[in-house]
């Protein structure tokens, strides 16, 4: 490829990374807000959070992008630039999936931990911030890692708005060179490299968070194996 075409691809990579970062930040904020709301003691809060989750989890991300970019200006007069339209659509959509990750991790914390907080006179917010979240967040990381990779792949959908992301730029290069196999092979490799880097970073974050609460992968694996052996009578020896 010529230097000009490589520059086009690099700009597309930068746009994809921007969309990934902004979308991930919005999805994370939505995930925790809605996930915590789904464990709230008031039924109306749980209902509203569940309604949001079902709506955005049950709709297509592609259709949501179309709706935000094309319908929102007509219905409400709010015209968003493609970057922010894509960020809003993807963040709200993947945030709905993330909220279930947060809800599940919060509910998985031993109830005795919350009872200990009550005994110490902590408020609900203090129990959540000081007791529940430090134990729940490390358990969310593997699922959030998968969701982040899915978000990365979902960024390709913004090309339908004419946004110059990696997929859109690669298609322009393909049309210019008429070399589909070579161009899309490059694109696959670029997405793989970005996803691989994200995975390694999330694994490092998981180890750091688990170390902060006195957990490590080896100890947890041994504990699970011992419990399985005790309950089923099947399993290797645990030193």
C-alpha atoms as a PDB file:
ATOM      1  CA  UNK A   1       0.000   0.000   0.000  1.00  0.00           C
ATOM      2  CA  UNK A   2       1.042   3.584  -0.546  1.00  0.00           C
ATOM      3  CA  UNK A   3       1.891   5.830   2.426  1.00  0.00           C
ATOM      4  CA  UNK A   4      -1.384   7.700   1.932  1.00  0.00           C
ATOM      5  CA  UNK A   5      -3.429   4.516   2.269  1.00  0.00           C
ATOM      6  CA  UNK A   6      -1.472   3.429   5.349  1.00  0.00           C
ATOM      7  CA  UNK A   7      -2.197   6.831   6.872  1.00  0.00           C
ATOM      8  CA  UNK A   8      -5.898   6.249   6.214  1.00  0.00           C
ATOM      9  CA  UNK A   9      -5.721   2.894   8.009  1.00  0.00           C
ATOM     10  CA  UNK A  10      -3.851   4.422  10.954  1.00  0.00           C
ATOM     11  CA  UNK A  11      -6.493   7.122  11.301  1.00  0.00           C
ATOM     12  CA  UNK A  12      -9.102   4.365  11.292  1.00  0.00           C
ATOM     13  CA  UNK A  13      -7.256   2.536  14.086  1.00  0.00           C
ATOM     14  CA  UNK A  14      -7.126   5.741  16.136  1.00  0.00           C
ATOM     15  CA  UNK A  15     -10.852   6.294  15.658  1.00  0.00           C
ATOM     16  CA  UNK A  16     -11.583   2.707  16.709  1.00  0.00           C
ATOM     17  CA  UNK A  17      -9.436   3.087  19.835  1.00  0.00           C
ATOM     18  CA  UNK A  18     -11.209   6.340  20.745  1.00  0.00           C
ATOM     19  CA  UNK A  19     -14.597   4.718  20.292  1.00  0.00           C
ATOM     20  CA  UNK A  20     -13.481   1.722  22.351  1.00  0.00           C
ATOM     21  CA  UNK A  21     -12.211   3.859  25.246  1.00  0.00           C
ATOM     22  CA  UNK A  22     -15.202   6.201  25.376  1.00  0.00           C
ATOM     23  CA  UNK A  23     -17.680   3.353  24.898  1.00  0.00           C
ATOM     24  CA  UNK A  24     -15.984   1.297  27.629  1.00  0.00           C
ATOM     25  CA  UNK A  25     -16.067   4.224  30.072  1.00  0.00           C
ATOM     26  CA  UNK A  26     -19.771   4.800  29.460  1.00  0.00           C
ATOM     27  CA  UNK A  27     -20.571   1.085  29.585  1.00  0.00           C
ATOM     28  CA  UNK A  28     -18.663   0.717  32.880  1.00  0.00           C
ATOM     29  CA  UNK A  29     -20.525   3.624  34.474  1.00  0.00           C
ATOM     30  CA  UNK A  30     -23.869   2.256  33.278  1.00  0.00           C
ATOM     31  CA  UNK A  31     -22.981  -1.280  34.370  1.00  0.00           C
ATOM     32  CA  UNK A  32     -22.248  -0.298  37.952  1.00  0.00           C
ATOM     33  CA  UNK A  33     -25.133   2.156  38.257  1.00  0.00           C
ATOM     34  CA  UNK A  34     -27.731  -0.265  36.895  1.00  0.00           C
ATOM     35  CA  UNK A  35     -26.142  -3.363  38.470  1.00  0.00           C
ATOM     36  CA  UNK A  36     -26.188  -1.815  41.931  1.00  0.00           C
ATOM     37  CA  UNK A  37     -29.730  -0.553  41.344  1.00  0.00           C
ATOM     38  CA  UNK A  38     -30.840  -4.105  40.570  1.00  0.00           C
ATOM     39  CA  UNK A  39     -29.858  -5.108  44.117  1.00  0.00           C
ATOM     40  CA  UNK A  40     -31.588  -2.106  45.730  1.00  0.00           C
ATOM     41  CA  UNK A  41     -34.056  -2.690  48.559  1.00  0.00           C
ATOM     42  CA  UNK A  42     -36.798  -0.642  46.836  1.00  0.00           C
ATOM     43  CA  UNK A  43     -38.776  -2.600  44.257  1.00  0.00           C
ATOM     44  CA  UNK A  44     -39.342   0.406  41.993  1.00  0.00           C
ATOM     45  CA  UNK A  45     -35.598   0.956  41.646  1.00  0.00           C
ATOM     46  CA  UNK A  46     -35.090  -2.730  40.845  1.00  0.00           C
ATOM     47  CA  UNK A  47     -37.955  -2.613  38.339  1.00  0.00           C
ATOM     48  CA  UNK A  48     -36.614   0.430  36.472  1.00  0.00           C
ATOM     49  CA  UNK A  49     -33.104  -1.004  36.361  1.00  0.00           C
ATOM     50  CA  UNK A  50     -34.428  -4.348  35.136  1.00  0.00           C
ATOM     51  CA  UNK A  51     -36.579  -2.633  32.508  1.00  0.00           C
ATOM     52  CA  UNK A  52     -33.554  -0.772  31.151  1.00  0.00           C
ATOM     53  CA  UNK A  53     -31.521  -3.990  31.071  1.00  0.00           C
ATOM     54  CA  UNK A  54     -34.166  -5.948  29.201  1.00  0.00           C
ATOM     55  CA  UNK A  55     -34.771  -3.179  26.649  1.00  0.00           C
ATOM     56  CA  UNK A  56     -31.152  -2.549  25.720  1.00  0.00           C
ATOM     57  CA  UNK A  57     -30.107  -6.179  25.998  1.00  0.00           C
ATOM     58  CA  UNK A  58     -32.983  -7.228  23.772  1.00  0.00           C
ATOM     59  CA  UNK A  59     -32.339  -4.769  20.941  1.00  0.00           C
ATOM     60  CA  UNK A  60     -29.747  -4.842  18.180  1.00  0.00           C
ATOM     61  CA  UNK A  61     -26.668  -2.668  18.643  1.00  0.00           C
ATOM     62  CA  UNK A  62     -26.735  -1.898  14.920  1.00  0.00           C
ATOM     63  CA  UNK A  63     -30.346  -0.714  15.057  1.00  0.00           C
ATOM     64  CA  UNK A  64     -29.536   1.310  18.186  1.00  0.00           C
ATOM     65  CA  UNK A  65     -26.744   3.092  16.291  1.00  0.00           C
ATOM     66  CA  UNK A  66     -29.162   3.892  13.475  1.00  0.00           C
ATOM     67  CA  UNK A  67     -31.735   5.123  15.999  1.00  0.00           C
ATOM     68  CA  UNK A  68     -29.321   7.397  17.867  1.00  0.00           C
ATOM     69  CA  UNK A  69     -27.777   8.843  14.710  1.00  0.00           C
ATOM     70  CA  UNK A  70     -30.822   9.151  12.445  1.00  0.00           C
ATOM     71  CA  UNK A  71     -33.965   9.079  14.626  1.00  0.00           C
ATOM     72  CA  UNK A  72     -32.821  11.086  17.646  1.00  0.00           C
ATOM     73  CA  UNK A  73     -32.269  14.305  15.621  1.00  0.00           C
ATOM     74  CA  UNK A  74     -35.718  14.032  14.041  1.00  0.00           C
ATOM     75  CA  UNK A  75     -37.543  13.141  17.264  1.00  0.00           C
ATOM     76  CA  UNK A  76     -35.780  15.450  19.726  1.00  0.00           C
ATOM     77  CA  UNK A  77     -33.620  17.764  17.640  1.00  0.00           C
ATOM     78  CA  UNK A  78     -30.363  16.435  19.124  1.00  0.00           C
ATOM     79  CA  UNK A  79     -27.790  15.880  16.389  1.00  0.00           C
ATOM     80  CA  UNK A  80     -24.727  14.028  17.638  1.00  0.00           C
ATOM     81  CA  UNK A  81     -21.462  13.726  15.736  1.00  0.00           C
ATOM     82  CA  UNK A  82     -20.749  10.121  14.685  1.00  0.00           C
ATOM     83  CA  UNK A  83     -18.164   9.533  17.432  1.00  0.00           C
ATOM     84  CA  UNK A  84     -20.545  10.478  20.231  1.00  0.00           C
ATOM     85  CA  UNK A  85     -23.511   8.769  18.597  1.00  0.00           C
ATOM     86  CA  UNK A  86     -21.528   5.545  18.366  1.00  0.00           C
ATOM     87  CA  UNK A  87     -20.265   5.946  21.930  1.00  0.00           C
ATOM     88  CA  UNK A  88     -23.787   6.481  23.268  1.00  0.00           C
ATOM     89  CA  UNK A  89     -25.322   3.561  21.381  1.00  0.00           C
ATOM     90  CA  UNK A  90     -22.548   1.087  22.185  1.00  0.00           C
ATOM     91  CA  UNK A  91     -22.103   2.253  25.775  1.00  0.00           C
ATOM     92  CA  UNK A  92     -25.793   1.914  26.604  1.00  0.00           C
ATOM     93  CA  UNK A  93     -26.090  -1.440  24.822  1.00  0.00           C
ATOM     94  CA  UNK A  94     -23.038  -3.110  26.334  1.00  0.00           C
ATOM     95  CA  UNK A  95     -23.721  -1.437  29.671  1.00  0.00           C
ATOM     96  CA  UNK A  96     -26.923  -3.475  29.856  1.00  0.00           C
ATOM     97  CA  UNK A  97     -24.897  -6.677  29.574  1.00  0.00           C
ATOM     98  CA  UNK A  98     -22.384  -5.373  32.086  1.00  0.00           C
ATOM     99  CA  UNK A  99     -25.092  -4.605  34.617  1.00  0.00           C
ATOM    100  CA  UNK A 100     -25.885  -8.322  34.838  1.00  0.00           C
ATOM    101  CA  UNK A 101     -22.213  -9.033  35.516  1.00  0.00           C
ATOM    102  CA  UNK A 102     -22.236  -6.509  38.362  1.00  0.00           C
ATOM    103  CA  UNK A 103     -25.524  -7.796  39.785  1.00  0.00           C
ATOM    104  CA  UNK A 104     -24.325 -11.389  39.751  1.00  0.00           C
ATOM    105  CA  UNK A 105     -21.010 -10.544  41.411  1.00  0.00           C
ATOM    106  CA  UNK A 106     -22.692  -8.488  44.132  1.00  0.00           C
ATOM    107  CA  UNK A 107     -25.157 -11.258  44.914  1.00  0.00           C
ATOM    108  CA  UNK A 108     -22.309 -13.783  45.042  1.00  0.00           C
ATOM    109  CA  UNK A 109     -20.679 -12.063  48.027  1.00  0.00           C
ATOM    110  CA  UNK A 110     -21.235 -14.020  51.230  1.00  0.00           C
ATOM    111  CA  UNK A 111     -24.266 -12.555  53.085  1.00  0.00           C
ATOM    112  CA  UNK A 112     -22.278 -12.859  56.302  1.00  0.00           C
ATOM    113  CA  UNK A 113     -20.047 -10.066  55.022  1.00  0.00           C
ATOM    114  CA  UNK A 114     -23.007  -7.703  54.805  1.00  0.00           C
ATOM    115  CA  UNK A 115     -24.236  -8.832  58.222  1.00  0.00           C
ATOM    116  CA  UNK A 116     -20.834  -7.982  59.629  1.00  0.00           C
ATOM    117  CA  UNK A 117     -21.173  -4.490  58.195  1.00  0.00           C
ATOM    118  CA  UNK A 118     -24.600  -4.114  59.794  1.00  0.00           C
ATOM    119  CA  UNK A 119     -23.153  -5.223  63.125  1.00  0.00           C
ATOM    120  CA  UNK A 120     -20.478  -2.540  62.795  1.00  0.00           C
ATOM    121  CA  UNK A 121     -23.132   0.105  62.190  1.00  0.00           C
ATOM    122  CA  UNK A 122     -22.188   0.794  58.563  1.00  0.00           C
ATOM    123  CA  UNK A 123     -24.702   2.533  56.316  1.00  0.00           C
ATOM    124  CA  UNK A 124     -25.814   0.700  53.123  1.00  0.00           C
ATOM    125  CA  UNK A 125     -23.449   2.867  51.065  1.00  0.00           C
ATOM    126  CA  UNK A 126     -20.530   2.114  53.425  1.00  0.00           C
ATOM    127  CA  UNK A 127     -21.260  -1.615  53.283  1.00  0.00           C
ATOM    128  CA  UNK A 128     -21.316  -1.473  49.497  1.00  0.00           C
ATOM    129  CA  UNK A 129     -18.145   0.614  49.169  1.00  0.00           C
ATOM    130  CA  UNK A 130     -16.028  -0.901  51.937  1.00  0.00           C
ATOM    131  CA  UNK A 131     -17.158  -4.527  52.077  1.00  0.00           C
ATOM    132  CA  UNK A 132     -19.087  -5.733  49.051  1.00  0.00           C
ATOM    133  CA  UNK A 133     -17.411  -4.017  46.078  1.00  0.00           C
ATOM    134  CA  UNK A 134     -13.808  -4.844  47.067  1.00  0.00           C
ATOM    135  CA  UNK A 135     -14.761  -8.525  47.055  1.00  0.00           C
ATOM    136  CA  UNK A 136     -17.082  -8.430  44.047  1.00  0.00           C
ATOM    137  CA  UNK A 137     -15.019  -6.375  41.593  1.00  0.00           C
ATOM    138  CA  UNK A 138     -12.184  -8.945  41.163  1.00  0.00           C
ATOM    139  CA  UNK A 139     -14.797 -11.556  40.263  1.00  0.00           C
ATOM    140  CA  UNK A 140     -16.222  -9.260  37.569  1.00  0.00           C
ATOM    141  CA  UNK A 141     -12.952  -8.810  35.684  1.00  0.00           C
ATOM    142  CA  UNK A 142     -12.985 -12.018  33.549  1.00  0.00           C
ATOM    143  CA  UNK A 143     -16.540 -11.342  32.384  1.00  0.00           C
ATOM    144  CA  UNK A 144     -15.787  -7.671  31.804  1.00  0.00           C
ATOM    145  CA  UNK A 145     -12.749  -8.716  29.772  1.00  0.00           C
ATOM    146  CA  UNK A 146     -14.976 -10.740  27.453  1.00  0.00           C
ATOM    147  CA  UNK A 147     -17.432  -7.854  27.235  1.00  0.00           C
ATOM    148  CA  UNK A 148     -14.626  -5.422  26.398  1.00  0.00           C
ATOM    149  CA  UNK A 149     -13.475  -7.616  23.516  1.00  0.00           C
ATOM    150  CA  UNK A 150     -17.077  -7.811  22.297  1.00  0.00           C
ATOM    151  CA  UNK A 151     -17.258  -4.017  22.481  1.00  0.00           C
ATOM    152  CA  UNK A 152     -14.089  -3.786  20.402  1.00  0.00           C
ATOM    153  CA  UNK A 153     -15.665  -5.930  17.702  1.00  0.00           C
ATOM    154  CA  UNK A 154     -18.900  -3.968  18.010  1.00  0.00           C
ATOM    155  CA  UNK A 155     -17.112  -0.741  17.106  1.00  0.00           C
ATOM    156  CA  UNK A 156     -17.063  -1.961  13.500  1.00  0.00           C
ATOM    157  CA  UNK A 157     -20.820  -1.295  13.375  1.00  0.00           C
ATOM    158  CA  UNK A 158     -20.278   2.474  13.361  1.00  0.00           C
ATOM    159  CA  UNK A 159     -19.057   2.215   9.762  1.00  0.00           C
ATOM    160  CA  UNK A 160     -22.748   2.284   8.731  1.00  0.00           C
ATOM    161  CA  UNK A 161     -22.761   5.985   9.717  1.00  0.00           C
ATOM    162  CA  UNK A 162     -19.839   6.671   7.403  1.00  0.00           C
ATOM    163  CA  UNK A 163     -17.547   7.055  10.411  1.00  0.00           C
ATOM    164  CA  UNK A 164     -13.894   6.539   9.521  1.00  0.00           C
ATOM    165  CA  UNK A 165     -13.131   3.678  11.893  1.00  0.00           C
ATOM    166  CA  UNK A 166     -10.818   0.774  11.055  1.00  0.00           C
ATOM    167  CA  UNK A 167     -13.458  -1.197   9.153  1.00  0.00           C
ATOM    168  CA  UNK A 168     -14.633   1.806   7.131  1.00  0.00           C
ATOM    169  CA  UNK A 169     -11.056   2.830   6.291  1.00  0.00           C
ATOM    170  CA  UNK A 170     -10.149  -0.714   5.300  1.00  0.00           C
ATOM    171  CA  UNK A 171     -13.118  -0.840   2.939  1.00  0.00           C
ATOM    172  CA  UNK A 172     -11.954   2.383   1.264  1.00  0.00           C
ATOM    173  CA  UNK A 173      -8.483   0.896   0.825  1.00  0.00           C
ATOM    174  CA  UNK A 174     -10.013  -2.295  -0.582  1.00  0.00           C
ATOM    175  CA  UNK A 175     -11.967  -0.301  -3.148  1.00  0.00           C
ATOM    176  CA  UNK A 176      -8.839   1.607  -4.118  1.00  0.00           C
ATOM    177  CA  UNK A 177      -6.572  -1.426  -4.480  1.00  0.00           C
ATOM    178  CA  UNK A 178      -9.107  -4.160  -5.326  1.00  0.00           C
ATOM    179  CA  UNK A 179      -7.292  -6.511  -2.927  1.00  0.00           C
ATOM    180  CA  UNK A 180      -9.913  -7.867  -0.571  1.00  0.00           C
ATOM    181  CA  UNK A 181      -7.975 -10.841   0.803  1.00  0.00           C
ATOM    182  CA  UNK A 182      -4.873  -8.880   1.743  1.00  0.00           C
ATOM    183  CA  UNK A 183      -6.686  -5.881   3.216  1.00  0.00           C
ATOM    184  CA  UNK A 184      -9.143  -7.826   5.344  1.00  0.00           C
ATOM    185  CA  UNK A 185      -6.359 -10.114   6.567  1.00  0.00           C
ATOM    186  CA  UNK A 186      -4.569  -7.026   7.843  1.00  0.00           C
ATOM    187  CA  UNK A 187      -7.779  -5.860   9.516  1.00  0.00           C
ATOM    188  CA  UNK A 188      -8.285  -9.218  11.236  1.00  0.00           C
ATOM    189  CA  UNK A 189      -4.735  -9.118  12.569  1.00  0.00           C
ATOM    190  CA  UNK A 190      -5.141  -5.556  13.837  1.00  0.00           C
ATOM    191  CA  UNK A 191      -8.334  -6.411  15.711  1.00  0.00           C
ATOM    192  CA  UNK A 192      -6.641  -9.510  17.141  1.00  0.00           C
ATOM    193  CA  UNK A 193      -3.641  -7.525  18.380  1.00  0.00           C
ATOM    194  CA  UNK A 194      -5.856  -4.934  20.076  1.00  0.00           C
ATOM    195  CA  UNK A 195      -7.979  -7.676  21.673  1.00  0.00           C
ATOM    196  CA  UNK A 196      -4.869  -9.543  22.841  1.00  0.00           C
ATOM    197  CA  UNK A 197      -3.467  -6.413  24.492  1.00  0.00           C
ATOM    198  CA  UNK A 198      -6.802  -5.763  26.204  1.00  0.00           C
ATOM    199  CA  UNK A 199      -6.917  -9.337  27.492  1.00  0.00           C
ATOM    200  CA  UNK A 200      -3.432  -9.171  28.957  1.00  0.00           C
ATOM    201  CA  UNK A 201      -4.156  -5.836  30.629  1.00  0.00           C
ATOM    202  CA  UNK A 202      -7.389  -7.138  32.154  1.00  0.00           C
ATOM    203  CA  UNK A 203      -5.654 -10.270  33.445  1.00  0.00           C
ATOM    204  CA  UNK A 204      -3.017  -8.115  35.074  1.00  0.00           C
ATOM    205  CA  UNK A 205      -5.739  -5.990  36.656  1.00  0.00           C
ATOM    206  CA  UNK A 206      -7.512  -9.100  37.914  1.00  0.00           C
ATOM    207  CA  UNK A 207      -4.358 -10.419  39.603  1.00  0.00           C
ATOM    208  CA  UNK A 208      -3.686  -7.053  41.198  1.00  0.00           C
ATOM    209  CA  UNK A 209      -7.215  -6.701  42.547  1.00  0.00           C
ATOM    210  CA  UNK A 210      -7.293 -10.250  43.882  1.00  0.00           C
ATOM    211  CA  UNK A 211      -3.938  -9.728  45.561  1.00  0.00           C
ATOM    212  CA  UNK A 212      -5.430  -6.658  47.214  1.00  0.00           C
ATOM    213  CA  UNK A 213      -8.104  -8.768  48.908  1.00  0.00           C
ATOM    214  CA  UNK A 214      -5.809 -11.667  49.753  1.00  0.00           C
ATOM    215  CA  UNK A 215      -6.660 -13.935  46.823  1.00  0.00           C
ATOM    216  CA  UNK A 216      -4.573 -15.502  44.097  1.00  0.00           C
ATOM    217  CA  UNK A 217      -5.315 -17.828  41.205  1.00  0.00           C
ATOM    218  CA  UNK A 218      -3.372 -20.782  42.628  1.00  0.00           C
ATOM    219  CA  UNK A 219      -5.072 -20.698  46.017  1.00  0.00           C
ATOM    220  CA  UNK A 220      -8.537 -20.379  44.469  1.00  0.00           C
ATOM    221  CA  UNK A 221      -7.897 -23.238  42.059  1.00  0.00           C
ATOM    222  CA  UNK A 222      -6.734 -25.518  44.872  1.00  0.00           C
ATOM    223  CA  UNK A 223      -9.743 -24.580  47.003  1.00  0.00           C
ATOM    224  CA  UNK A 224     -12.154 -25.362  44.163  1.00  0.00           C
ATOM    225  CA  UNK A 225     -10.467 -28.714  43.517  1.00  0.00           C
ATOM    226  CA  UNK A 226     -10.618 -29.648  47.192  1.00  0.00           C
ATOM    227  CA  UNK A 227     -14.287 -28.721  47.438  1.00  0.00           C
ATOM    228  CA  UNK A 228     -15.097 -30.743  44.311  1.00  0.00           C
ATOM    229  CA  UNK A 229     -13.240 -33.751  45.666  1.00  0.00           C
ATOM    230  CA  UNK A 230     -15.051 -33.520  49.002  1.00  0.00           C
ATOM    231  CA  UNK A 231     -18.524 -33.216  47.463  1.00  0.00           C
ATOM    232  CA  UNK A 232     -18.200 -35.704  44.601  1.00  0.00           C
ATOM    233  CA  UNK A 233     -15.444 -37.996  45.722  1.00  0.00           C
ATOM    234  CA  UNK A 234     -13.662 -37.351  42.434  1.00  0.00           C
ATOM    235  CA  UNK A 235     -10.560 -35.264  41.978  1.00  0.00           C
ATOM    236  CA  UNK A 236      -6.839 -35.216  42.311  1.00  0.00           C
ATOM    237  CA  UNK A 237      -4.914 -34.846  45.495  1.00  0.00           C
ATOM    238  CA  UNK A 238      -4.500 -31.339  46.786  1.00  0.00           C
ATOM    239  CA  UNK A 239      -1.249 -30.625  48.598  1.00  0.00           C
END
